[in-house]
N, C-alpha and C. Protein backbone atom coordinates (compact mmCIF):
# COMPACT_ATOMS: atom_id res chain seq x y z
N UNK A 1 2.74 -68.82 0.12
CA UNK A 1 3.17 -68.90 -1.38
C UNK A 1 2.07 -68.86 -2.38
N UNK A 2 0.97 -69.58 -1.60
CA UNK A 2 -0.41 -69.69 -2.58
C UNK A 2 -0.87 -67.93 -2.62
N UNK A 3 -0.55 -67.05 -1.88
CA UNK A 3 -1.23 -65.81 -2.38
C UNK A 3 -0.31 -65.08 -3.12
N UNK A 4 0.87 -65.52 -3.55
CA UNK A 4 2.10 -64.80 -4.70
C UNK A 4 1.72 -65.82 -6.06
N UNK A 5 0.92 -66.67 -5.94
CA UNK A 5 0.63 -67.36 -7.40
C UNK A 5 -0.10 -66.39 -8.45
N UNK A 6 -0.84 -65.94 -7.98
CA UNK A 6 -1.61 -64.89 -9.27
C UNK A 6 -0.41 -63.83 -9.51
N UNK A 7 0.33 -63.29 -8.41
CA UNK A 7 1.42 -62.59 -9.09
C UNK A 7 2.14 -62.80 -9.84
N UNK A 8 2.65 -64.23 -9.81
CA UNK A 8 3.67 -64.62 -10.41
C UNK A 8 2.88 -65.04 -11.88
N UNK A 9 1.75 -65.61 -12.03
CA UNK A 9 1.17 -65.70 -13.30
C UNK A 9 1.15 -64.74 -14.05
N UNK A 10 0.71 -63.30 -13.48
CA UNK A 10 0.42 -62.21 -14.14
C UNK A 10 1.82 -61.80 -14.71
N UNK A 11 2.67 -61.79 -13.75
CA UNK A 11 4.40 -61.43 -14.11
C UNK A 11 4.71 -62.50 -15.45
N UNK A 12 4.51 -63.63 -15.41
CA UNK A 12 4.97 -64.44 -16.79
C UNK A 12 3.99 -63.99 -17.86
N UNK A 13 2.69 -63.75 -17.78
CA UNK A 13 1.68 -63.40 -18.75
C UNK A 13 2.39 -62.07 -19.60
N UNK A 14 2.64 -61.01 -18.69
CA UNK A 14 2.84 -59.94 -19.13
C UNK A 14 4.31 -59.94 -19.70
N UNK A 15 5.20 -60.63 -19.30
CA UNK A 15 6.72 -60.65 -20.00
C UNK A 15 6.56 -61.26 -21.24
N UNK A 16 5.46 -62.26 -21.46
CA UNK A 16 5.66 -62.86 -22.99
C UNK A 16 5.24 -61.59 -23.92
N UNK A 17 4.24 -60.82 -23.36
CA UNK A 17 3.45 -60.11 -24.26
C UNK A 17 4.56 -58.82 -24.47
N UNK A 18 5.42 -58.36 -23.62
CA UNK A 18 6.36 -57.11 -23.68
C UNK A 18 7.70 -57.84 -24.49
N UNK A 19 7.72 -59.22 -24.56
CA UNK A 19 8.90 -59.59 -25.12
C UNK A 19 8.52 -59.68 -26.98
N UNK A 20 7.20 -59.55 -27.22
CA UNK A 20 6.56 -59.95 -28.43
C UNK A 20 7.26 -58.69 -29.45
N UNK A 21 7.47 -58.92 -30.70
CA UNK A 21 8.02 -57.80 -31.65
C UNK A 21 6.83 -57.07 -31.86
N UNK A 22 7.26 -55.48 -31.80
CA UNK A 22 6.29 -54.51 -32.19
C UNK A 22 7.07 -53.44 -31.91
N UNK A 23 5.86 -52.11 -32.35
CA UNK A 23 6.30 -50.96 -32.30
C UNK A 23 7.31 -50.21 -31.23
N UNK A 24 7.37 -50.94 -29.90
CA UNK A 24 7.88 -50.34 -28.86
C UNK A 24 9.11 -50.93 -28.99
N UNK A 25 9.51 -52.05 -29.38
CA UNK A 25 10.62 -52.94 -29.51
C UNK A 25 11.58 -52.02 -30.66
N UNK A 26 10.81 -52.18 -31.99
CA UNK A 26 11.47 -51.21 -32.76
C UNK A 26 11.92 -50.05 -32.37
N UNK A 27 11.16 -49.03 -31.79
CA UNK A 27 11.47 -47.71 -31.23
C UNK A 27 12.67 -47.88 -30.30
N UNK A 28 12.68 -48.77 -29.20
CA UNK A 28 13.80 -48.55 -28.78
C UNK A 28 15.27 -49.19 -29.43
N UNK A 29 15.07 -50.01 -30.18
CA UNK A 29 16.20 -50.72 -30.71
C UNK A 29 16.40 -49.41 -31.67
N UNK A 30 16.02 -48.74 -32.55
CA UNK A 30 16.42 -47.96 -33.05
C UNK A 30 17.22 -46.88 -32.64
N UNK A 31 16.53 -46.28 -31.23
CA UNK A 31 17.27 -45.15 -30.44
C UNK A 31 18.68 -45.47 -30.10
N UNK A 32 18.69 -46.83 -29.68
CA UNK A 32 19.98 -46.86 -29.10
C UNK A 32 21.19 -47.30 -30.05
N UNK A 33 20.68 -47.83 -31.07
CA UNK A 33 21.64 -48.28 -32.02
C UNK A 33 21.73 -46.48 -32.98
N UNK A 34 21.21 -45.93 -33.40
CA UNK A 34 21.22 -44.45 -34.12
C UNK A 34 21.81 -43.44 -33.05
N UNK A 35 21.35 -43.07 -31.78
CA UNK A 35 21.55 -42.19 -30.89
C UNK A 35 22.80 -42.74 -30.14
N UNK A 36 22.08 -43.39 -28.69
CA UNK A 36 23.26 -43.53 -27.86
C UNK A 36 22.69 -44.82 -26.70
N UNK A 37 23.35 -45.52 -26.14
CA UNK A 37 22.77 -45.98 -24.95
C UNK A 37 22.02 -45.59 -24.16
N UNK A 38 22.56 -43.97 -23.93
CA UNK A 38 21.56 -43.12 -22.89
C UNK A 38 20.46 -42.94 -23.42
N UNK A 39 20.03 -42.38 -24.69
CA UNK A 39 18.72 -42.62 -25.22
C UNK A 39 17.87 -43.90 -25.25
N UNK A 40 18.39 -44.78 -25.41
CA UNK A 40 17.71 -46.26 -25.46
C UNK A 40 17.13 -46.54 -23.78
N UNK A 41 17.91 -46.27 -23.29
CA UNK A 41 17.94 -46.27 -21.89
C UNK A 41 16.63 -45.47 -21.25
N UNK A 42 16.52 -44.26 -21.81
CA UNK A 42 15.23 -43.41 -21.53
C UNK A 42 14.25 -43.97 -22.22
N UNK A 43 14.47 -44.38 -23.53
CA UNK A 43 13.25 -44.83 -23.79
C UNK A 43 12.71 -46.04 -23.27
N UNK A 44 13.56 -46.88 -22.41
CA UNK A 44 13.27 -48.02 -21.94
C UNK A 44 12.41 -47.60 -20.34
N UNK A 45 12.93 -46.49 -19.93
CA UNK A 45 12.37 -46.17 -18.83
C UNK A 45 10.63 -45.56 -19.05
N UNK A 46 10.57 -44.95 -20.52
CA UNK A 46 9.35 -44.46 -20.84
C UNK A 46 8.46 -45.40 -20.96
N UNK A 47 9.07 -46.96 -21.57
CA UNK A 47 8.23 -47.97 -21.82
C UNK A 47 7.77 -48.41 -20.56
N UNK A 48 8.60 -48.48 -19.45
CA UNK A 48 8.11 -48.97 -18.24
C UNK A 48 6.97 -47.98 -17.37
N UNK A 49 7.32 -46.76 -17.58
CA UNK A 49 5.96 -45.76 -17.08
C UNK A 49 4.89 -46.15 -17.84
N UNK A 50 4.76 -46.13 -19.27
CA UNK A 50 3.74 -46.65 -20.18
C UNK A 50 3.01 -47.94 -19.47
N UNK A 51 3.93 -48.88 -19.22
CA UNK A 51 3.30 -50.26 -18.59
C UNK A 51 2.70 -49.82 -17.41
N UNK A 52 3.21 -49.01 -16.56
CA UNK A 52 2.52 -48.74 -15.26
C UNK A 52 0.96 -47.80 -15.67
N UNK A 53 1.11 -46.90 -16.43
CA UNK A 53 -0.08 -46.47 -16.69
C UNK A 53 -1.30 -47.32 -17.06
N UNK A 54 -0.65 -48.27 -17.75
CA UNK A 54 -1.63 -48.98 -18.67
C UNK A 54 -2.13 -49.91 -17.55
N UNK A 55 -1.20 -50.62 -16.74
CA UNK A 55 -1.65 -51.55 -15.58
C UNK A 55 -2.65 -50.89 -14.66
N UNK A 56 -2.28 -49.83 -14.24
CA UNK A 56 -3.33 -48.88 -13.46
C UNK A 56 -4.72 -48.72 -14.02
N UNK A 57 -4.66 -48.14 -15.49
CA UNK A 57 -5.80 -47.93 -16.02
C UNK A 57 -6.66 -49.59 -15.66
N UNK A 58 -6.14 -50.41 -16.27
CA UNK A 58 -6.62 -51.57 -16.11
C UNK A 58 -7.35 -52.22 -14.69
N UNK A 59 -6.43 -51.81 -13.77
CA UNK A 59 -6.79 -52.35 -12.58
C UNK A 59 -7.96 -51.35 -12.25
N UNK A 60 -8.11 -50.15 -12.70
CA UNK A 60 -9.15 -49.32 -12.07
C UNK A 60 -10.35 -49.33 -13.14
N UNK A 61 -10.23 -50.27 -13.92
CA UNK A 61 -11.45 -50.79 -14.28
C UNK A 61 -11.74 -50.06 -16.11
N UNK A 62 -10.53 -49.85 -17.07
CA UNK A 62 -10.64 -49.47 -17.97
C UNK A 62 -11.33 -50.53 -18.99
N UNK A 63 -11.09 -51.55 -18.77
CA UNK A 63 -11.55 -52.79 -19.78
C UNK A 63 -13.10 -52.40 -19.48
N UNK A 64 -13.31 -52.90 -18.52
CA UNK A 64 -15.25 -52.46 -18.27
C UNK A 64 -15.48 -51.38 -18.98
N UNK A 65 -15.28 -50.33 -18.82
CA UNK A 65 -15.36 -48.72 -19.56
C UNK A 65 -15.71 -49.12 -20.99
N UNK A 66 -14.18 -49.56 -21.58
CA UNK A 66 -14.03 -49.49 -23.14
C UNK A 66 -15.33 -50.75 -23.63
N UNK A 67 -15.70 -51.62 -22.67
CA UNK A 67 -16.85 -52.45 -23.08
C UNK A 67 -18.28 -51.78 -22.99
N UNK A 68 -18.14 -51.16 -22.55
CA UNK A 68 -19.63 -50.12 -22.33
C UNK A 68 -19.71 -49.11 -23.13
N UNK A 69 -18.56 -48.54 -23.39
CA UNK A 69 -18.69 -47.44 -24.24
C UNK A 69 -17.61 -47.92 -25.71
N UNK A 70 -18.39 -48.33 -26.49
CA UNK A 70 -17.49 -48.99 -27.42
C UNK A 70 -16.77 -47.76 -28.36
N UNK A 71 -17.45 -46.69 -28.57
CA UNK A 71 -17.03 -45.91 -29.62
C UNK A 71 -15.36 -45.14 -28.75
N UNK A 72 -15.43 -44.97 -27.23
CA UNK A 72 -14.33 -44.90 -26.81
C UNK A 72 -13.00 -45.46 -27.26
N UNK A 73 -13.32 -46.74 -27.11
CA UNK A 73 -12.07 -47.87 -27.53
C UNK A 73 -11.96 -47.64 -29.22
N UNK A 74 -12.76 -47.49 -29.75
CA UNK A 74 -12.67 -46.97 -31.37
C UNK A 74 -11.80 -46.12 -31.51
N UNK A 75 -12.00 -44.76 -30.96
CA UNK A 75 -11.25 -43.56 -30.94
C UNK A 75 -9.80 -43.78 -30.46
N UNK A 76 -9.54 -44.54 -29.37
CA UNK A 76 -8.28 -44.71 -28.86
C UNK A 76 -7.57 -45.37 -29.84
N UNK A 77 -8.02 -46.61 -30.53
CA UNK A 77 -7.28 -47.41 -31.26
C UNK A 77 -6.85 -46.82 -32.53
N UNK A 78 -7.81 -45.81 -33.04
CA UNK A 78 -7.73 -44.95 -34.74
C UNK A 78 -6.38 -44.13 -34.33
N UNK A 79 -6.62 -43.37 -33.12
CA UNK A 79 -5.53 -42.09 -32.53
C UNK A 79 -4.43 -42.84 -32.32
N UNK A 80 -4.38 -44.17 -31.77
CA UNK A 80 -2.91 -44.78 -31.62
C UNK A 80 -2.31 -45.10 -32.84
N UNK A 81 -3.15 -45.57 -33.60
CA UNK A 81 -2.65 -46.01 -34.98
C UNK A 81 -2.05 -44.80 -35.80
N UNK A 82 -3.14 -43.59 -35.82
CA UNK A 82 -2.56 -42.26 -36.67
C UNK A 82 -1.05 -41.78 -36.04
N UNK A 83 -1.15 -41.99 -34.53
CA UNK A 83 0.24 -41.48 -34.04
C UNK A 83 1.44 -42.48 -34.51
N UNK A 84 1.36 -43.89 -34.73
CA UNK A 84 2.33 -44.67 -35.25
C UNK A 84 2.47 -44.28 -36.70
N UNK A 85 1.45 -44.18 -37.48
CA UNK A 85 1.63 -43.53 -39.01
C UNK A 85 2.55 -42.48 -39.19
N UNK A 86 2.32 -41.52 -38.36
CA UNK A 86 3.13 -40.19 -38.05
C UNK A 86 4.45 -40.47 -37.72
N UNK A 87 4.59 -41.04 -36.75
CA UNK A 87 6.13 -41.35 -36.58
C UNK A 87 6.70 -42.33 -37.30
N UNK A 88 6.00 -43.07 -37.94
CA UNK A 88 6.57 -44.02 -39.20
C UNK A 88 7.22 -43.28 -40.33
N UNK A 89 6.41 -42.32 -40.56
CA UNK A 89 6.49 -41.21 -41.71
C UNK A 89 7.86 -40.18 -41.35
N UNK A 90 7.87 -39.80 -39.98
CA UNK A 90 9.21 -39.04 -39.69
C UNK A 90 10.18 -39.89 -39.88
N UNK A 91 10.31 -41.35 -39.80
CA UNK A 91 11.42 -42.08 -39.50
C UNK A 91 11.69 -42.46 -41.09
N UNK A 92 10.90 -42.86 -41.85
CA UNK A 92 11.24 -42.58 -43.35
C UNK A 92 11.84 -41.39 -43.92
N UNK A 93 11.11 -40.00 -43.68
CA UNK A 93 11.74 -38.99 -44.40
C UNK A 93 13.05 -38.60 -43.83
N UNK A 94 13.60 -39.22 -42.68
CA UNK A 94 14.82 -38.84 -41.94
C UNK A 94 15.69 -40.17 -42.76
N UNK A 95 15.59 -40.88 -43.47
CA UNK A 95 16.30 -42.02 -43.39
C UNK A 95 17.22 -41.75 -44.74
N UNK A 96 17.48 -40.80 -45.46
CA UNK A 96 18.28 -40.39 -46.53
C UNK A 96 19.27 -39.44 -45.58
N UNK A 97 18.74 -38.86 -44.45
CA UNK A 97 19.73 -38.10 -43.84
C UNK A 97 20.95 -38.65 -43.01
N UNK A 98 21.99 -38.19 -43.44
CA UNK A 98 23.54 -38.81 -42.73
C UNK A 98 23.16 -38.55 -40.99
N UNK A 99 23.84 -39.54 -40.10
CA UNK A 99 23.58 -39.20 -39.01
C UNK A 99 24.69 -38.67 -38.62
N UNK A 100 24.42 -37.78 -37.70
CA UNK A 100 25.91 -37.40 -37.01
C UNK A 100 25.71 -37.45 -35.66
N UNK A 101 26.39 -38.55 -35.38
CA UNK A 101 26.89 -38.93 -33.83
C UNK A 101 26.89 -38.52 -32.88
N UNK A 102 28.23 -37.32 -33.46
CA UNK A 102 28.83 -36.55 -32.43
C UNK A 102 27.83 -35.36 -32.09
N UNK A 103 27.14 -34.69 -33.04
CA UNK A 103 25.91 -33.77 -32.93
C UNK A 103 25.14 -34.12 -32.22
N UNK A 104 24.50 -35.40 -32.14
CA UNK A 104 23.60 -35.95 -31.20
C UNK A 104 24.05 -36.40 -29.82
N UNK A 105 25.13 -36.57 -29.87
CA UNK A 105 25.95 -36.71 -28.51
C UNK A 105 25.95 -35.56 -27.52
N UNK A 106 26.47 -34.40 -28.50
CA UNK A 106 26.27 -33.03 -27.63
C UNK A 106 24.84 -32.45 -27.38
N UNK A 107 23.97 -33.00 -27.73
CA UNK A 107 22.49 -32.55 -27.27
C UNK A 107 22.20 -32.92 -25.75
N UNK A 108 22.90 -34.01 -25.45
CA UNK A 108 22.93 -34.55 -24.10
C UNK A 108 21.67 -34.70 -23.43
N UNK A 109 21.21 -33.89 -22.53
CA UNK A 109 19.93 -34.30 -21.79
C UNK A 109 18.86 -33.93 -22.33
N UNK A 110 19.02 -33.29 -23.38
CA UNK A 110 17.65 -32.77 -24.49
C UNK A 110 17.53 -34.12 -25.04
N UNK A 111 18.40 -34.71 -26.03
CA UNK A 111 17.76 -35.76 -26.51
C UNK A 111 17.60 -37.09 -25.42
N UNK A 112 17.99 -37.09 -24.66
CA UNK A 112 17.53 -38.29 -23.48
C UNK A 112 16.07 -37.86 -22.87
N UNK A 113 15.96 -36.83 -22.81
CA UNK A 113 14.43 -36.47 -22.52
C UNK A 113 13.29 -36.78 -23.64
N UNK A 114 13.79 -36.11 -24.60
CA UNK A 114 13.16 -36.60 -25.80
C UNK A 114 13.00 -38.07 -26.28
N UNK A 115 14.03 -38.87 -25.97
CA UNK A 115 13.74 -40.43 -25.81
C UNK A 115 12.87 -41.17 -24.93
N UNK A 116 12.84 -40.29 -23.77
CA UNK A 116 11.81 -40.83 -23.16
C UNK A 116 10.67 -40.79 -23.24
N UNK A 117 10.15 -39.51 -23.50
CA UNK A 117 8.74 -39.12 -24.30
C UNK A 117 8.54 -39.85 -25.57
N UNK A 118 9.23 -40.23 -26.60
CA UNK A 118 8.89 -40.73 -27.60
C UNK A 118 8.83 -42.08 -27.35
N UNK A 119 9.40 -42.76 -26.16
CA UNK A 119 9.09 -44.33 -25.92
C UNK A 119 7.69 -44.22 -25.02
N UNK A 120 7.43 -43.17 -24.04
CA UNK A 120 6.27 -43.18 -23.51
C UNK A 120 5.17 -43.13 -24.45
N UNK A 121 5.53 -42.37 -25.48
CA UNK A 121 4.46 -41.94 -26.38
C UNK A 121 4.19 -43.29 -27.21
N UNK A 122 5.27 -43.83 -27.61
CA UNK A 122 5.01 -45.23 -28.61
C UNK A 122 4.30 -46.16 -27.65
N UNK A 123 4.63 -46.52 -26.47
CA UNK A 123 3.85 -47.32 -25.64
C UNK A 123 2.41 -46.99 -25.50
N UNK A 124 1.90 -45.87 -24.96
CA UNK A 124 0.62 -45.47 -24.89
C UNK A 124 -0.07 -45.48 -26.19
N UNK A 125 0.66 -45.63 -27.53
CA UNK A 125 -0.04 -45.42 -28.55
C UNK A 125 -1.00 -46.58 -29.22
N UNK A 126 -0.88 -47.88 -28.21
CA UNK A 126 -1.74 -48.83 -28.38
C UNK A 126 -2.59 -48.98 -27.22
N UNK A 127 -4.02 -48.37 -27.10
CA UNK A 127 -4.61 -48.76 -26.03
C UNK A 127 -5.15 -50.32 -25.93
N UNK A 128 -4.73 -51.02 -26.99
CA UNK A 128 -5.24 -52.53 -26.76
C UNK A 128 -4.45 -53.21 -25.67
N UNK A 129 -3.35 -52.52 -25.61
CA UNK A 129 -2.45 -53.37 -24.28
C UNK A 129 -3.61 -53.06 -23.06
N UNK A 130 -4.03 -52.04 -22.57
CA UNK A 130 -4.63 -51.74 -21.59
C UNK A 130 -5.62 -53.14 -21.47
N UNK A 131 -6.46 -53.24 -22.37
CA UNK A 131 -7.41 -54.35 -22.78
C UNK A 131 -6.74 -55.70 -22.23
N UNK A 132 -5.46 -55.78 -22.78
CA UNK A 132 -5.10 -56.98 -22.66
C UNK A 132 -4.57 -57.23 -21.17
N UNK A 133 -3.92 -56.15 -20.57
CA UNK A 133 -3.76 -56.25 -19.19
C UNK A 133 -4.82 -56.53 -18.33
N UNK A 134 -5.86 -55.62 -18.62
CA UNK A 134 -7.26 -55.93 -17.79
C UNK A 134 -7.76 -57.28 -18.05
N UNK A 135 -7.73 -57.96 -19.48
CA UNK A 135 -7.96 -59.23 -19.68
C UNK A 135 -7.24 -60.32 -18.73
N UNK A 136 -5.95 -60.11 -18.55
CA UNK A 136 -4.83 -60.92 -17.72
C UNK A 136 -5.25 -60.62 -16.35
N UNK A 137 -5.65 -59.38 -15.90
CA UNK A 137 -5.52 -59.59 -14.67
C UNK A 137 -7.20 -60.17 -14.17
N UNK A 138 -8.38 -59.95 -15.18
CA UNK A 138 -9.48 -60.67 -14.80
C UNK A 138 -9.28 -62.06 -14.85
N UNK A 139 -8.55 -62.60 -15.63
CA UNK A 139 -8.19 -64.15 -15.62
C UNK A 139 -7.43 -64.90 -14.75
N UNK A 140 -6.67 -64.04 -13.79
CA UNK A 140 -5.66 -64.56 -12.92
C UNK A 140 -5.64 -63.72 -11.87
N UNK A 141 -6.39 -62.84 -11.50
CA UNK A 141 -6.57 -62.33 -10.32
C UNK A 141 -7.68 -62.99 -9.32
N UNK A 142 -7.64 -63.06 -8.30
CA UNK A 142 -8.84 -63.65 -7.42
C UNK A 142 -9.83 -62.93 -7.36
N UNK A 143 -10.95 -63.38 -7.39
CA UNK A 143 -12.30 -62.63 -7.32
C UNK A 143 -11.95 -61.07 -6.42
N UNK A 144 -11.58 -61.39 -5.16
CA UNK A 144 -11.56 -60.47 -3.94
C UNK A 144 -9.81 -60.37 -3.79
N UNK A 145 -9.10 -59.74 -4.47
CA UNK A 145 -7.56 -59.85 -4.01
C UNK A 145 -7.40 -59.01 -3.01
N UNK A 146 -6.06 -59.35 -2.29
CA UNK A 146 -5.90 -58.36 -1.07
C UNK A 146 -5.17 -57.13 -1.70
N UNK A 147 -5.45 -56.16 -0.92
CA UNK A 147 -4.85 -54.45 -1.10
C UNK A 147 -3.69 -54.85 -1.29
N UNK A 148 -2.62 -55.60 -0.75
CA UNK A 148 -1.41 -55.62 -1.17
C UNK A 148 -1.13 -55.87 -2.44
N UNK A 149 -2.09 -56.96 -3.01
CA UNK A 149 -1.76 -57.52 -4.27
C UNK A 149 -1.45 -56.25 -5.40
N UNK A 150 -2.41 -55.23 -5.16
CA UNK A 150 -2.21 -53.92 -6.18
C UNK A 150 -1.24 -53.41 -5.96
N UNK A 151 -0.55 -53.06 -4.60
CA UNK A 151 0.55 -52.22 -4.18
C UNK A 151 1.69 -52.83 -5.03
N UNK A 152 1.88 -54.46 -5.07
CA UNK A 152 3.18 -54.60 -5.72
C UNK A 152 2.98 -55.03 -7.38
N UNK A 153 1.82 -55.09 -7.45
CA UNK A 153 1.61 -55.43 -9.25
C UNK A 153 2.27 -54.25 -10.09
N UNK A 154 1.99 -53.19 -9.65
CA UNK A 154 2.43 -51.97 -10.26
C UNK A 154 4.12 -51.79 -10.71
N UNK A 155 4.56 -52.00 -9.47
CA UNK A 155 6.39 -51.97 -9.54
C UNK A 155 6.48 -53.15 -10.47
N UNK A 156 5.93 -54.40 -10.31
CA UNK A 156 6.38 -55.51 -10.80
C UNK A 156 6.26 -55.11 -12.41
N UNK A 157 4.97 -54.28 -12.86
CA UNK A 157 4.93 -54.12 -14.28
C UNK A 157 5.79 -53.32 -14.74
N UNK A 158 6.28 -52.40 -14.01
CA UNK A 158 7.11 -51.62 -14.43
C UNK A 158 8.49 -52.17 -14.55
N UNK A 159 8.92 -53.37 -13.77
CA UNK A 159 10.22 -53.93 -13.82
C UNK A 159 10.18 -54.81 -14.77
N UNK A 160 9.38 -55.07 -15.67
CA UNK A 160 9.02 -56.12 -16.52
C UNK A 160 9.25 -55.25 -17.79
N UNK A 161 8.41 -54.33 -18.01
CA UNK A 161 8.54 -53.43 -19.07
C UNK A 161 9.74 -53.08 -19.44
N UNK A 162 10.32 -52.05 -18.32
CA UNK A 162 11.75 -51.31 -18.26
C UNK A 162 12.56 -52.12 -18.49
N UNK A 163 12.58 -53.26 -17.67
CA UNK A 163 13.59 -54.40 -17.68
C UNK A 163 14.01 -54.81 -19.11
N UNK A 164 12.82 -55.15 -19.87
CA UNK A 164 12.84 -55.83 -20.93
C UNK A 164 13.98 -54.84 -21.96
N UNK A 165 13.05 -53.81 -22.11
CA UNK A 165 13.69 -52.90 -23.06
C UNK A 165 14.94 -52.43 -22.61
N UNK A 166 15.58 -52.28 -21.34
CA UNK A 166 16.67 -51.83 -20.94
C UNK A 166 17.59 -53.09 -21.49
N UNK A 167 17.35 -54.10 -21.55
CA UNK A 167 18.05 -55.44 -22.12
C UNK A 167 18.32 -55.15 -23.52
N UNK A 168 17.12 -54.56 -24.17
CA UNK A 168 17.12 -54.20 -25.72
C UNK A 168 18.00 -53.12 -26.14
N UNK A 169 17.94 -52.51 -24.97
CA UNK A 169 19.08 -50.73 -25.27
C UNK A 169 20.25 -51.46 -25.07
N UNK A 170 20.65 -52.22 -24.06
CA UNK A 170 22.30 -52.31 -23.79
C UNK A 170 22.69 -53.37 -24.75
N UNK A 171 21.66 -54.21 -25.38
CA UNK A 171 22.32 -55.11 -26.60
C UNK A 171 22.93 -54.78 -27.79
N UNK A 172 21.73 -53.44 -28.24
CA UNK A 172 22.03 -52.63 -29.51
C UNK A 172 22.74 -51.30 -29.32
N UNK A 173 23.01 -51.10 -28.27
CA UNK A 173 23.73 -49.59 -28.21
C UNK A 173 25.42 -50.02 -27.98
N UNK A 174 25.81 -50.91 -28.60
CA UNK A 174 27.31 -51.27 -28.40
C UNK A 174 28.13 -50.88 -29.79
N UNK A 175 29.18 -50.96 -29.73
CA UNK A 175 29.81 -50.57 -31.08
C UNK A 175 29.40 -50.95 -32.15
N UNK A 176 29.69 -52.40 -32.41
CA UNK A 176 29.08 -53.01 -33.40
C UNK A 176 27.72 -52.97 -34.19
N UNK A 177 26.84 -53.20 -33.28
CA UNK A 177 25.36 -52.79 -33.89
C UNK A 177 25.33 -51.42 -34.21
N UNK A 178 26.26 -50.13 -34.05
CA UNK A 178 25.94 -48.77 -34.07
C UNK A 178 26.77 -48.74 -35.64
N UNK A 179 28.04 -49.30 -35.74
CA UNK A 179 28.77 -49.20 -36.62
C UNK A 179 27.83 -49.97 -38.03
N UNK A 180 27.42 -51.11 -37.69
CA UNK A 180 26.36 -51.26 -38.69
C UNK A 180 25.16 -50.57 -39.12
N UNK A 181 24.57 -49.79 -38.12
CA UNK A 181 23.71 -49.09 -38.42
C UNK A 181 24.02 -47.88 -39.74
N UNK A 182 25.16 -47.27 -38.99
CA UNK A 182 25.53 -46.21 -39.82
C UNK A 182 26.07 -46.46 -41.07
N UNK A 183 26.59 -47.94 -41.53
CA UNK A 183 26.85 -48.28 -42.83
C UNK A 183 25.42 -48.65 -43.59
N UNK A 184 24.35 -48.66 -42.93
CA UNK A 184 23.19 -49.14 -43.53
C UNK A 184 21.85 -48.45 -43.30
N UNK A 185 22.27 -47.45 -42.59
CA UNK A 185 20.95 -46.23 -42.42
C UNK A 185 19.81 -46.18 -42.85
N UNK A 186 20.01 -45.79 -44.17
CA UNK A 186 18.96 -45.92 -45.02
C UNK A 186 17.47 -46.79 -45.06
N UNK A 187 18.38 -47.86 -45.40
CA UNK A 187 17.63 -49.28 -45.35
C UNK A 187 17.16 -49.53 -44.31
N UNK A 188 17.82 -49.45 -43.22
CA UNK A 188 17.13 -49.66 -41.44
C UNK A 188 16.26 -48.55 -41.20
N UNK A 189 16.40 -47.62 -41.57
CA UNK A 189 15.60 -46.53 -41.08
C UNK A 189 14.03 -46.79 -41.79
N UNK A 190 14.10 -46.80 -43.50
CA UNK A 190 12.99 -47.49 -43.87
C UNK A 190 12.09 -48.78 -43.33
N UNK A 191 13.00 -49.62 -43.32
CA UNK A 191 12.51 -50.75 -42.83
C UNK A 191 11.57 -50.74 -41.46
N UNK A 192 12.23 -50.08 -40.48
CA UNK A 192 11.40 -49.62 -39.45
C UNK A 192 10.46 -48.67 -39.46
N UNK A 193 10.62 -47.76 -40.31
CA UNK A 193 9.29 -47.19 -40.85
C UNK A 193 8.19 -47.73 -41.16
N UNK A 194 8.47 -48.60 -42.16
CA UNK A 194 7.91 -49.30 -42.78
C UNK A 194 7.26 -50.43 -41.71
N UNK A 195 7.66 -51.07 -40.83
CA UNK A 195 7.16 -52.12 -39.64
C UNK A 195 6.32 -50.99 -39.07
N UNK A 196 6.55 -50.06 -38.46
CA UNK A 196 6.08 -48.90 -37.63
C UNK A 196 4.51 -48.58 -38.18
N UNK A 197 5.08 -47.93 -39.56
CA UNK A 197 3.50 -47.71 -40.52
C UNK A 197 2.67 -48.79 -40.45
N UNK A 198 3.18 -49.88 -40.71
CA UNK A 198 1.97 -51.06 -41.15
C UNK A 198 1.47 -51.47 -39.89
N UNK A 199 2.26 -51.45 -38.64
CA UNK A 199 1.39 -51.74 -37.63
C UNK A 199 0.04 -50.57 -36.78
N UNK A 200 0.66 -49.36 -37.50
CA UNK A 200 -0.30 -48.32 -37.32
C UNK A 200 -1.47 -48.33 -38.00
N UNK A 201 -1.42 -48.74 -39.54
CA UNK A 201 -2.56 -48.97 -40.37
C UNK A 201 -3.36 -50.31 -40.07
N UNK A 202 -2.59 -51.16 -39.49
CA UNK A 202 -3.63 -52.30 -39.21
C UNK A 202 -4.18 -52.04 -38.05
N UNK A 203 -3.51 -51.19 -37.26
CA UNK A 203 -4.36 -50.76 -36.05
C UNK A 203 -5.73 -49.99 -36.21
N UNK A 204 -5.52 -48.96 -37.16
CA UNK A 204 -6.66 -48.27 -37.95
C UNK A 204 -7.82 -49.20 -38.56
N UNK A 205 -7.27 -50.23 -39.25
CA UNK A 205 -8.22 -50.89 -40.08
C UNK A 205 -8.97 -51.81 -39.33
N UNK A 206 -7.97 -52.42 -38.13
CA UNK A 206 -8.80 -53.20 -37.41
C UNK A 206 -9.91 -52.83 -36.42
N UNK A 207 -9.51 -51.19 -36.16
CA UNK A 207 -10.50 -50.42 -35.34
C UNK A 207 -11.92 -50.49 -36.21
N UNK A 208 -11.70 -50.00 -37.43
CA UNK A 208 -12.99 -49.31 -38.44
C UNK A 208 -13.47 -50.63 -38.93
N UNK A 209 -12.65 -52.03 -38.97
CA UNK A 209 -13.60 -53.33 -39.35
C UNK A 209 -14.23 -53.97 -38.46
N UNK A 210 -14.06 -53.14 -37.10
CA UNK A 210 -14.70 -54.24 -35.87
C UNK A 210 -13.73 -55.13 -35.38
N UNK A 211 -12.38 -55.27 -35.76
CA UNK A 211 -11.88 -56.34 -35.27
C UNK A 211 -11.26 -56.06 -33.82
């Protein structure tokens, strides 16, 4: 049981971070309501894959790398912020366009694949997550962890990230949230675009100001 204590501690810390509102939450919510449950679940899968990528990078020393190569972290943060601003601008520009639910559903697998990649890109747009992962691992992992701990950590990270956003997708893809979205699409899309855009600009500002 003692050997599993770091795993439980890391899982709890990552779960709290995953549930914190941010661009990933907004994106999964919007796809689930605006398009379909399938699109929301595909985005949730992308979030899970992104969590595994960040977890693997943290385990293999990205935190140490960006600490030594400061400009690399700066570039990654600016690039992530610019992507979020770009994503926000697309959402904002499309706010006035009526949503054709039947047309979206006819897209089938194409829209699902697009939702997956959009979820993955949104998750990966914030490299600070990798540093957070690295900090949590550094604080909670023993100095010389057993190899099996690394083998179980990544699937747990995937389950946490994908599991949380699956709950979000299932919750907001039901009939009532979708009907509400269709009635207030312009306002909701502009709010979602504004939130994501502000988060992106904050990421760029913090990077340039050294925060």
